[in-house]
Amino acid sequence: MKVGIFDSGFGGSSVLRNIISKTHCKSFVYYADRANAPYGLKENLDIYRYTKQGMSFLLDHGAQVAIIACNTATAASCPRIEREYDMPIIGIHPPIFDAIEIYNDNHKNDRNKIPTILVYATAATLGGEHVIQNKHRIEDNHKANIELISCSNIVPLIESKKTESEEFFNTLKKTFEPYKNKKIDALLFSCTHLPLIDKQIYEVLGYTPEIVLDGSEYVIDKLKQYEEYEKEILGANYKEATDIEVFLHDTKEGSNSFDQFANYLNIDVSKIKEI
């Protein structure tokens, strides 16, 4: 099964990295729309157009299932995109309900306490229907306290390889300063770029929250279902691939970015081919 992955940049590599380690999928087409990144402050219609272009590219290059590995693009376009393409499409959302369920399982003896959940995402994701409606519903029912902070100012620094710069750390410090003494129970990396800088975030925060989620588990669960379906359909003709191959289309730098991408995936750059 060839898996297509779409993102505004290389943030989706955090999702792909988990797919490689937790599923049997080996063949991938990755569309990185770095020429139009970042998406976080763009209009929904523009994001939809970029996402549609990426989906068409993935389908044209053999993808049998496509992942919108971008919370912003999912929030802005996923329902419409799902209706327009004849292939399974998996979006990625902030896993707020998963965080609540895990917290309740961990604190069965203290039902009176509710978790404080911090959703760290782009402005477009935070303003989307999924987050806003669920935030009100959860807080009205006293299930959790939901706090929202934007990562729109940090994503361009990740994409431009400035994660060791003074500007990068000053931006993180300013963002997380209020939470050093106001401990959060769950941190949701609701932009796929953020798992790439998790250690820097914990360093600035001064602790690692009890629960850290990034939303990729839902994607992995869906892919496993498709894998089982493919095995059932093909029966004795099913053959599992052994070698990883990643076909990368970077709208900004082409093959000049392969080393950076391979580093994020933690695989040898020879496994990546330009498309």
Protein backbone atom coordinates (compact mmCIF):
# COMPACT_ATOMS: atom_id res chain seq x y z
CA MET A 1 0.00 0.00 0.00
CA LYS A 2 1.45 3.32 -1.07
CA VAL A 3 0.72 6.07 1.45
CA GLY A 4 0.53 9.72 0.42
CA ILE A 5 1.38 12.41 2.95
CA PHE A 6 0.62 16.10 2.52
CA ASP A 7 1.94 18.92 4.69
CA SER A 8 2.79 22.59 4.38
CA GLY A 9 6.38 21.64 5.08
CA PHE A 10 8.41 19.02 6.91
CA GLY A 11 6.27 18.91 10.06
CA GLY A 12 4.48 15.88 8.66
CA SER A 13 7.76 13.99 8.95
CA SER A 14 6.91 13.54 12.64
CA VAL A 15 3.78 11.65 11.56
CA LEU A 16 5.67 9.68 8.90
CA ARG A 17 8.34 8.74 11.43
CA ASN A 18 5.66 7.19 13.66
CA ILE A 19 4.04 5.41 10.71
CA ILE A 20 7.36 3.83 9.75
CA SER A 21 7.98 2.61 13.31
CA LYS A 22 4.44 1.44 14.13
CA THR A 23 2.99 0.02 10.89
CA HIS A 24 4.14 -2.25 8.07
CA CYS A 25 3.80 0.52 5.46
CA LYS A 26 7.02 0.99 3.50
CA SER A 27 6.16 3.01 0.37
CA PHE A 28 5.40 6.72 0.67
CA VAL A 29 4.84 9.82 -1.45
CA TYR A 30 5.40 13.03 0.52
CA TYR A 31 4.25 16.43 -0.77
CA ALA A 32 5.87 19.30 1.16
CA ASP A 33 4.34 22.62 0.13
CA ARG A 34 7.18 24.67 1.53
CA ALA A 35 6.83 27.33 -1.18
CA ASN A 36 3.51 28.40 0.39
CA ALA A 37 4.36 27.76 4.05
CA PRO A 38 3.48 28.62 6.72
CA TYR A 39 -0.26 28.00 6.49
CA GLY A 40 -1.14 29.12 10.02
CA LEU A 41 -2.14 32.71 9.22
CA LYS A 42 -3.53 32.15 5.70
CA GLU A 43 -7.19 32.31 4.62
CA ASN A 44 -9.12 29.03 4.64
CA LEU A 45 -9.84 29.22 0.91
CA ASP A 46 -6.13 29.52 0.10
CA ILE A 47 -5.34 26.58 2.39
CA TYR A 48 -8.03 24.52 0.69
CA ARG A 49 -6.56 25.28 -2.75
CA TYR A 50 -3.05 24.33 -1.65
CA THR A 51 -4.36 21.13 -0.05
CA LYS A 52 -6.33 20.17 -3.15
CA GLN A 53 -3.23 20.65 -5.29
CA GLY A 54 -1.30 18.37 -2.96
CA MET A 55 -4.01 15.71 -2.93
CA SER A 56 -4.12 15.66 -6.74
CA PHE A 57 -0.35 15.25 -6.85
CA LEU A 58 -0.45 12.32 -4.41
CA LEU A 59 -3.23 10.59 -6.32
CA ASP A 60 -1.45 11.11 -9.66
CA HIS A 61 1.68 9.49 -8.20
CA GLY A 62 0.06 6.31 -7.01
CA ALA A 63 -1.10 7.03 -3.45
CA GLN A 64 -3.81 4.59 -2.35
CA VAL A 65 -4.55 6.44 0.87
CA ALA A 66 -3.69 10.07 1.69
CA ILE A 67 -2.91 11.72 5.01
CA ILE A 68 -3.38 15.44 5.55
CA ALA A 69 -0.52 15.58 8.05
CA CYS A 70 -1.24 19.18 8.94
CA ASN A 71 -3.71 20.25 11.61
CA THR A 72 -4.21 23.60 9.87
CA ALA A 73 -5.04 22.06 6.49
CA THR A 74 -7.30 19.50 8.15
CA ALA A 75 -9.24 22.21 9.98
CA ALA A 76 -9.58 24.36 6.87
CA SER A 77 -10.31 21.80 4.19
CA CYS A 78 -10.66 18.14 5.23
CA PRO A 79 -14.46 17.62 4.95
CA ARG A 80 -14.55 19.24 1.50
CA ILE A 81 -11.44 17.39 0.29
CA GLU A 82 -12.85 14.04 1.45
CA ARG A 83 -15.89 14.53 -0.79
CA GLU A 84 -13.79 15.41 -3.85
CA TYR A 85 -11.35 12.48 -4.03
CA ASP A 86 -11.95 8.80 -4.67
CA MET A 87 -9.44 7.53 -2.12
CA PRO A 88 -9.38 7.31 1.67
CA ILE A 89 -8.20 10.58 3.23
CA ILE A 90 -7.14 10.83 6.87
CA GLY A 91 -6.96 14.20 8.61
CA ILE A 92 -5.28 15.00 11.89
CA HIS A 93 -6.96 16.86 14.78
CA PRO A 94 -5.92 17.95 18.29
CA PRO A 95 -6.54 14.80 20.41
CA ILE A 96 -8.38 16.58 23.22
CA PHE A 97 -10.71 13.71 24.12
CA ASP A 98 -7.82 11.21 24.16
CA ALA A 99 -6.01 13.43 26.67
CA ILE A 100 -9.06 13.54 28.94
CA GLU A 101 -9.52 9.77 28.75
CA ILE A 102 -5.86 9.09 29.59
CA TYR A 103 -5.93 11.58 32.47
CA ASN A 104 -9.09 10.02 33.94
CA ASP A 105 -7.54 6.54 33.70
CA ASN A 106 -4.45 7.80 35.50
CA HIS A 107 -6.48 9.50 38.27
CA LYS A 108 -9.29 7.07 39.01
CA ASN A 109 -8.98 7.75 42.75
CA ASP A 110 -9.36 11.52 42.37
CA ARG A 111 -12.43 12.11 40.24
CA ASN A 112 -12.95 15.61 41.65
CA LYS A 113 -9.89 16.96 39.87
CA ILE A 114 -10.09 17.90 36.20
CA PRO A 115 -7.06 18.29 33.92
CA THR A 116 -5.66 21.47 32.46
CA ILE A 117 -4.97 20.79 28.79
CA LEU A 118 -2.82 23.08 26.68
CA VAL A 119 -3.46 22.95 22.93
CA TYR A 120 -0.41 24.29 21.09
CA ALA A 121 -1.37 24.89 17.45
CA THR A 122 -1.48 27.41 14.64
CA ALA A 123 -3.96 30.26 14.77
CA ALA A 124 -5.99 28.65 11.97
CA THR A 125 -6.30 25.35 13.88
CA LEU A 126 -7.22 27.09 17.14
CA GLY A 127 -9.92 29.08 15.38
CA GLY A 128 -11.35 26.04 13.64
CA GLU A 129 -14.71 24.48 14.39
CA HIS A 130 -13.21 21.28 15.88
CA VAL A 131 -11.31 23.11 18.63
CA ILE A 132 -13.80 25.88 19.42
CA GLN A 133 -16.88 23.66 19.67
CA ASN A 134 -15.14 20.96 21.67
CA LYS A 135 -13.55 23.48 24.02
CA HIS A 136 -16.96 24.95 24.93
CA ARG A 137 -18.59 21.53 25.22
CA ILE A 138 -15.85 20.12 27.45
CA GLU A 139 -15.60 23.15 29.73
CA ASP A 140 -19.40 23.51 30.03
CA ASN A 141 -19.52 19.90 31.25
CA HIS A 142 -16.55 20.45 33.60
CA LYS A 143 -14.47 17.73 31.93
CA ALA A 144 -11.29 19.80 31.61
CA ASN A 145 -9.84 23.27 31.42
CA ILE A 146 -8.68 23.93 27.85
CA GLU A 147 -6.06 26.58 27.15
CA LEU A 148 -5.02 27.59 23.64
CA ILE A 149 -1.70 29.06 22.49
CA SER A 150 -0.52 29.75 18.96
CA CYS A 151 2.61 28.27 17.42
CA SER A 152 2.32 30.32 14.22
CA ASN A 153 5.44 32.30 15.18
CA ILE A 154 7.61 29.22 15.76
CA VAL A 155 6.81 27.13 12.65
CA PRO A 156 8.74 29.38 10.21
CA LEU A 157 11.82 29.10 12.46
CA ILE A 158 11.59 25.29 12.38
CA GLU A 159 11.23 25.22 8.60
CA SER A 160 14.18 27.61 8.14
CA LYS A 161 16.42 25.46 10.37
CA LYS A 162 16.76 28.11 13.11
CA THR A 163 16.00 25.83 16.05
CA GLU A 164 19.37 26.59 17.65
CA SER A 165 19.06 30.36 17.29
CA GLU A 166 18.57 32.93 20.03
CA GLU A 167 15.38 34.09 18.29
CA PHE A 168 13.96 30.56 18.48
CA PHE A 169 14.61 30.11 22.22
CA ASN A 170 13.41 33.62 23.06
CA THR A 171 10.17 32.91 21.20
CA LEU A 172 9.65 29.64 23.08
CA LYS A 173 10.47 31.25 26.43
CA LYS A 174 7.95 34.03 25.87
CA THR A 175 5.28 31.51 24.83
CA PHE A 176 5.68 29.16 27.80
CA GLU A 177 6.61 31.61 30.56
CA PRO A 178 3.04 31.65 32.00
CA TYR A 179 3.10 27.85 32.37
CA LYS A 180 6.26 27.47 34.43
CA ASN A 181 4.34 28.10 37.65
CA LYS A 182 0.92 27.08 36.33
CA LYS A 183 1.48 23.41 35.74
CA ILE A 184 -0.38 21.82 32.86
CA ASP A 185 -1.46 18.18 32.91
CA ALA A 186 -1.56 17.55 29.16
CA LEU A 187 0.28 19.20 26.29
CA LEU A 188 -1.10 18.63 22.80
CA PHE A 189 1.32 19.16 19.93
CA SER A 190 -1.45 20.10 17.51
CA CYS A 191 0.86 21.08 14.69
CA THR A 192 3.00 18.33 13.21
CA HIS A 193 6.12 20.51 13.34
CA LEU A 194 6.07 20.56 17.14
CA PRO A 195 7.23 16.99 17.94
CA LEU A 196 10.43 17.97 16.12
CA ILE A 197 11.20 20.44 18.94
CA ASP A 198 9.73 18.58 21.93
CA LYS A 199 12.96 18.56 23.94
CA GLN A 200 13.44 22.31 23.54
CA ILE A 201 9.87 22.88 24.73
CA TYR A 202 10.38 20.76 27.87
CA GLU A 203 13.62 22.59 28.55
CA VAL A 204 11.94 25.99 28.39
CA LEU A 205 8.88 24.79 30.30
CA GLY A 206 11.03 23.32 33.06
CA TYR A 207 9.18 19.99 33.17
CA THR A 208 7.57 17.36 30.97
CA PRO A 209 3.77 17.30 31.35
CA GLU A 210 2.16 14.06 32.51
CA ILE A 211 0.49 13.59 29.12
CA VAL A 212 1.95 14.59 25.76
CA LEU A 213 0.04 13.73 22.57
CA ASP A 214 0.45 14.73 18.94
CA GLY A 215 -2.56 13.24 17.16
CA SER A 216 -0.63 10.77 15.01
CA GLU A 217 -2.02 7.74 16.88
CA TYR A 218 -5.38 8.20 15.16
CA VAL A 219 -3.65 8.18 11.77
CA ILE A 220 -1.73 5.03 12.67
CA ASP A 221 -4.89 3.25 13.85
CA LYS A 222 -6.63 4.06 10.56
CA LEU A 223 -3.65 2.88 8.50
CA LYS A 224 -3.58 -0.41 10.39
CA GLN A 225 -7.24 -0.90 9.50
CA TYR A 226 -6.46 -0.29 5.82
CA GLU A 227 -3.52 -2.71 6.04
CA GLU A 228 -5.76 -5.45 7.40
CA TYR A 229 -8.36 -4.74 4.71
CA GLU A 230 -5.69 -4.96 2.00
CA LYS A 231 -4.48 -8.31 3.35
CA GLU A 232 -8.03 -9.63 3.40
CA ILE A 233 -8.72 -8.51 -0.17
CA LEU A 234 -5.45 -9.76 -1.67
CA GLY A 235 -5.29 -12.97 0.33
CA ALA A 236 -2.45 -15.20 -0.90
CA ASN A 237 -1.38 -12.49 -3.35
CA TYR A 238 -0.50 -10.09 -0.54
CA LYS A 239 3.23 -9.37 -0.33
CA GLU A 240 4.73 -7.24 2.40
CA ALA A 241 7.41 -4.79 1.28
CA THR A 242 10.75 -4.99 3.07
CA ASP A 243 12.55 -1.77 2.10
CA ILE A 244 11.45 1.76 2.88
CA GLU A 245 11.11 4.14 -0.06
CA VAL A 246 10.07 7.77 0.26
CA PHE A 247 9.34 9.84 -2.83
CA LEU A 248 9.60 13.51 -1.85
CA HIS A 249 8.23 16.53 -3.68
CA ASP A 250 9.40 19.78 -2.07
CA THR A 251 7.77 22.76 -3.78
CA LYS A 252 10.48 25.09 -2.51
CA GLU A 253 13.93 23.50 -2.67
CA GLY A 254 13.56 20.17 -4.47
CA SER A 255 16.39 17.75 -3.71
CA ASN A 256 18.38 20.44 -1.87
CA SER A 257 16.32 19.72 1.23
CA PHE A 258 16.76 15.93 1.31
CA ASP A 259 19.38 15.90 4.08
CA GLN A 260 17.14 17.92 6.39
CA PHE A 261 14.15 15.70 5.65
CA ALA A 262 16.14 12.49 6.18
CA ASN A 263 17.39 13.84 9.50
CA TYR A 264 13.82 14.48 10.69
CA LEU A 265 12.82 10.95 9.66
CA ASN A 266 15.98 9.40 11.12
CA ILE A 267 16.58 7.36 7.95
CA ASP A 268 19.41 7.26 5.44
CA VAL A 269 19.09 9.93 2.77
CA SER A 270 19.54 7.23 0.10
CA LYS A 271 16.01 6.04 0.93
CA ILE A 272 14.58 9.34 -0.38
CA LYS A 273 13.97 9.97 -4.07
CA GLU A 274 12.89 13.15 -5.80
CA ILE A 275 9.55 13.26 -7.55
